[in-house]
Amino acid sequence: MTKNKYEAILCDLGNVLINFDHKIAVKKILRLTPKNERDIYQLFFDSSLTKDYEEGKTSSVEFFKKVKSLLELDMEYNEFLPIWNDIFFETPLNKKIQNFLMAIKGKYKLVMISNINEAHYEFLKKKMPVFGEFYKLILSYEIGFRKPAKEIYDAALESVDIVPSKAFYVDDRADLIEAAYKLGIEGATLDGEVAFKKIVEEFKP
């Protein structure tokens, strides 16, 4: 494969630059609701409510009010927010990919492309200096679309004015890499140290 054929690196956030686990929040909420663990997890991770929140169709306060009602929570927004945000943790692999991107950012435009809600973004941007290393941030709640929607990939390409073949995409989910590949974007699933080494090799001169 021809080296340095790319102009931009599109990079996912969750479980790439920083890991997350919704179960951390679920276990804390479990003590405060009559609902079971499965119901809470599904609401937080795989529901139309979360989808609307990550697509910017509902505000953080509106999201909380619906969660409060559905889970019958006796708490206020300022009590919920720390629990909702306390799901992130950094691993050695996260740090490696961060350092790798910072080392090559002079040669490639870095674009973050993330399915994320407003509260999590506001929380993470204060904790992660790497956010400032990206040329553009393509966030689902701002764009109005979540991966694997074509529109969010298109927005990432348009943000750096390149054609799909000039972008390389890194994500932890193979299905999202496949969605990008169908649009003409090469990429790699970051699912461990072996995958990380292959990504590094891809960008060696």
Protein backbone atom coordinates (compact mmCIF):
# COMPACT_ATOMS: atom_id res chain seq x y z
CA MET A 1 0.00 0.00 0.00
CA THR A 2 1.26 3.44 -0.91
CA LYS A 3 2.27 5.34 2.18
CA ASN A 4 1.19 8.89 2.96
CA LYS A 5 -1.68 8.75 0.52
CA TYR A 6 -4.02 10.27 3.09
CA GLU A 7 -4.61 13.90 3.98
CA ALA A 8 -6.77 13.45 7.06
CA ILE A 9 -7.35 11.01 9.90
CA LEU A 10 -10.91 10.66 11.16
CA CYS A 11 -10.93 9.36 14.72
CA ASP A 12 -13.68 8.16 17.01
CA LEU A 13 -13.71 9.27 20.65
CA GLY A 14 -15.31 6.63 22.86
CA ASN A 15 -13.23 3.47 23.41
CA VAL A 16 -10.51 4.93 21.18
CA LEU A 17 -9.26 8.15 22.77
CA ILE A 18 -10.93 7.37 26.07
CA ASN A 19 -12.88 4.34 27.25
CA PHE A 20 -16.33 4.36 28.77
CA ASP A 21 -18.70 1.97 30.51
CA HIS A 22 -22.35 2.92 31.03
CA LYS A 23 -22.58 0.23 33.71
CA ILE A 24 -20.66 2.52 36.06
CA ALA A 25 -23.55 5.00 35.99
CA VAL A 26 -26.16 2.24 35.93
CA LYS A 27 -24.91 0.77 39.21
CA LYS A 28 -25.03 4.18 40.91
CA ILE A 29 -28.53 4.91 39.61
CA LEU A 30 -29.72 1.42 40.56
CA ARG A 31 -29.72 2.40 44.23
CA LEU A 32 -32.03 5.32 43.50
CA THR A 33 -34.73 3.73 41.34
CA PRO A 34 -37.22 0.84 41.53
CA LYS A 35 -36.22 -0.15 37.97
CA ASN A 36 -33.86 -3.06 37.29
CA GLU A 37 -30.33 -2.92 35.93
CA ARG A 38 -31.29 -4.07 32.44
CA ASP A 39 -33.97 -1.39 32.06
CA ILE A 40 -31.59 1.36 33.16
CA TYR A 41 -28.80 0.16 30.85
CA GLN A 42 -31.12 -0.04 27.88
CA LEU A 43 -32.42 3.46 28.55
CA PHE A 44 -28.90 4.89 28.83
CA PHE A 45 -27.28 3.00 25.97
CA ASP A 46 -29.84 1.79 23.46
CA SER A 47 -33.06 3.78 23.45
CA SER A 48 -34.79 6.36 21.27
CA LEU A 49 -34.34 8.84 24.13
CA THR A 50 -30.56 8.47 24.06
CA LYS A 51 -30.57 8.56 20.26
CA ASP A 52 -32.48 11.85 20.26
CA TYR A 53 -30.11 13.27 22.88
CA GLU A 54 -27.03 12.29 20.87
CA GLU A 55 -28.59 13.81 17.74
CA GLY A 56 -29.25 17.12 19.50
CA LYS A 57 -33.03 16.73 19.31
CA THR A 58 -33.39 17.15 23.05
CA SER A 59 -31.43 19.27 25.54
CA SER A 60 -29.51 17.96 28.53
CA VAL A 61 -32.17 19.22 30.94
CA GLU A 62 -34.98 17.74 28.86
CA PHE A 63 -33.11 14.43 28.70
CA PHE A 64 -32.74 14.42 32.48
CA LYS A 65 -36.42 15.19 33.05
CA LYS A 66 -37.43 12.22 30.90
CA VAL A 67 -34.90 9.94 32.61
CA LYS A 68 -36.11 11.14 36.00
CA SER A 69 -39.70 10.34 35.08
CA LEU A 70 -39.01 6.97 33.44
CA LEU A 71 -36.76 5.77 36.26
CA GLU A 72 -38.81 7.42 39.01
CA LEU A 73 -35.76 9.19 40.39
CA ASP A 74 -35.92 11.44 43.42
CA MET A 75 -33.05 13.73 42.47
CA GLU A 76 -32.25 16.99 40.71
CA TYR A 77 -30.24 17.68 37.55
CA ASN A 78 -27.13 18.83 39.43
CA GLU A 79 -27.14 15.52 41.33
CA PHE A 80 -27.69 13.43 38.21
CA LEU A 81 -25.01 15.07 36.06
CA PRO A 82 -21.93 13.82 37.99
CA ILE A 83 -23.31 10.26 37.87
CA TRP A 84 -24.11 10.54 34.15
CA ASN A 85 -20.60 11.82 33.40
CA ASP A 86 -18.71 9.39 35.63
CA ILE A 87 -18.39 6.62 33.04
CA PHE A 88 -15.04 7.46 31.45
CA PHE A 89 -11.58 6.05 32.14
CA GLU A 90 -8.25 6.14 30.34
CA THR A 91 -6.32 3.01 29.38
CA PRO A 92 -2.72 2.61 28.17
CA LEU A 93 -4.05 2.01 24.64
CA ASN A 94 -6.04 5.25 24.79
CA LYS A 95 -2.86 7.09 25.70
CA LYS A 96 -0.91 5.42 22.89
CA ILE A 97 -3.39 6.46 20.21
CA GLN A 98 -3.53 9.98 21.64
CA ASN A 99 0.26 10.28 21.56
CA PHE A 100 0.41 8.82 18.06
CA LEU A 101 -2.09 11.34 16.72
CA MET A 102 -0.31 14.25 18.38
CA ALA A 103 2.98 13.09 16.86
CA ILE A 104 1.66 13.11 13.28
CA LYS A 105 -0.82 15.98 13.41
CA GLY A 106 1.59 18.18 11.45
CA LYS A 107 1.27 15.88 8.43
CA TYR A 108 -2.45 15.11 8.58
CA LYS A 109 -5.58 17.01 9.54
CA LEU A 110 -7.16 15.33 12.54
CA VAL A 111 -10.95 15.17 12.66
CA MET A 112 -12.84 13.74 15.62
CA ILE A 113 -16.10 12.07 14.61
CA SER A 114 -18.17 11.02 17.60
CA ASN A 115 -21.64 9.89 18.61
CA ILE A 116 -21.87 11.98 21.76
CA ASN A 117 -24.30 14.04 23.78
CA GLU A 118 -23.84 17.59 24.97
CA ALA A 119 -23.19 16.80 28.64
CA HIS A 120 -20.50 14.23 27.92
CA TYR A 121 -18.77 16.53 25.45
CA GLU A 122 -18.75 19.49 27.85
CA PHE A 123 -17.39 17.22 30.58
CA LEU A 124 -14.65 15.60 28.48
CA LYS A 125 -13.32 18.68 26.71
CA LYS A 126 -12.29 20.08 30.11
CA LYS A 127 -10.47 16.88 31.06
CA MET A 128 -8.77 15.91 27.79
CA PRO A 129 -6.14 18.24 26.30
CA VAL A 130 -6.13 16.08 23.15
CA PHE A 131 -9.38 17.76 22.08
CA GLY A 132 -7.32 20.84 21.25
CA GLU A 133 -5.14 18.82 18.87
CA PHE A 134 -7.99 18.21 16.42
CA TYR A 135 -8.53 20.40 13.37
CA LYS A 136 -12.28 19.80 13.49
CA LEU A 137 -14.74 18.15 15.88
CA ILE A 138 -17.71 16.48 14.18
CA LEU A 139 -20.12 15.75 17.03
CA SER A 140 -23.43 13.98 16.51
CA TYR A 141 -25.42 16.29 18.76
CA GLU A 142 -24.25 19.30 16.73
CA ILE A 143 -24.57 17.65 13.29
CA GLY A 144 -27.95 16.04 13.99
CA PHE A 145 -26.85 12.59 12.82
CA ARG A 146 -25.14 9.63 14.45
CA LYS A 147 -22.81 7.12 12.87
CA PRO A 148 -23.40 5.08 10.74
CA ALA A 149 -25.50 7.77 8.99
CA LYS A 150 -23.85 8.90 5.77
CA GLU A 151 -24.40 12.55 6.73
CA ILE A 152 -21.96 12.52 9.65
CA TYR A 153 -19.17 11.01 7.54
CA ASP A 154 -19.92 13.55 4.81
CA ALA A 155 -19.68 16.36 7.36
CA ALA A 156 -16.25 15.10 8.45
CA LEU A 157 -14.97 15.04 4.86
CA GLU A 158 -16.44 18.45 4.07
CA SER A 159 -14.84 19.94 7.19
CA VAL A 160 -11.40 19.36 5.67
CA ASP A 161 -12.49 19.57 2.01
CA ILE A 162 -11.29 16.14 0.91
CA VAL A 163 -12.65 13.20 -1.06
CA PRO A 164 -13.27 9.90 0.78
CA SER A 165 -10.13 8.21 -0.55
CA LYS A 166 -7.97 10.84 1.17
CA ALA A 167 -9.28 9.98 4.65
CA PHE A 168 -8.36 7.18 7.04
CA TYR A 169 -10.84 6.34 9.80
CA VAL A 170 -10.16 4.81 13.23
CA ASP A 171 -13.01 3.45 15.37
CA ASP A 172 -13.47 0.68 17.90
CA ARG A 173 -16.59 -0.63 16.13
CA ALA A 174 -16.17 -2.73 12.99
CA ASP A 175 -19.70 -1.90 11.78
CA LEU A 176 -18.87 1.82 11.73
CA ILE A 177 -15.61 1.18 9.89
CA GLU A 178 -17.62 -0.84 7.37
CA ALA A 179 -20.14 2.00 6.95
CA ALA A 180 -17.29 4.39 6.19
CA TYR A 181 -15.67 1.89 3.81
CA LYS A 182 -18.88 1.76 1.77
CA LEU A 183 -18.47 5.50 1.25
CA GLY A 184 -14.91 5.05 0.02
CA ILE A 185 -13.13 5.76 3.31
CA GLU A 186 -10.34 3.36 4.33
CA GLY A 187 -10.00 2.57 8.00
CA ALA A 188 -9.11 0.23 10.83
CA THR A 189 -10.85 -1.10 13.91
CA LEU A 190 -8.87 -0.27 17.04
CA ASP A 191 -9.54 -3.34 19.15
CA GLY A 192 -6.17 -3.94 20.78
CA GLU A 193 -2.41 -3.59 20.62
CA VAL A 194 -2.05 -5.52 17.36
CA ALA A 195 -4.53 -3.22 15.63
CA PHE A 196 -2.75 -0.17 17.01
CA LYS A 197 0.59 -1.35 15.60
CA LYS A 198 -1.01 -1.86 12.18
CA ILE A 199 -2.38 1.69 12.25
CA VAL A 200 1.08 3.05 13.11
CA GLU A 201 2.57 1.04 10.24
CA GLU A 202 -0.02 2.53 7.86
CA PHE A 203 1.43 5.97 8.47
CA LYS A 204 5.13 5.22 8.48
CA PRO A 205 6.93 7.16 5.70
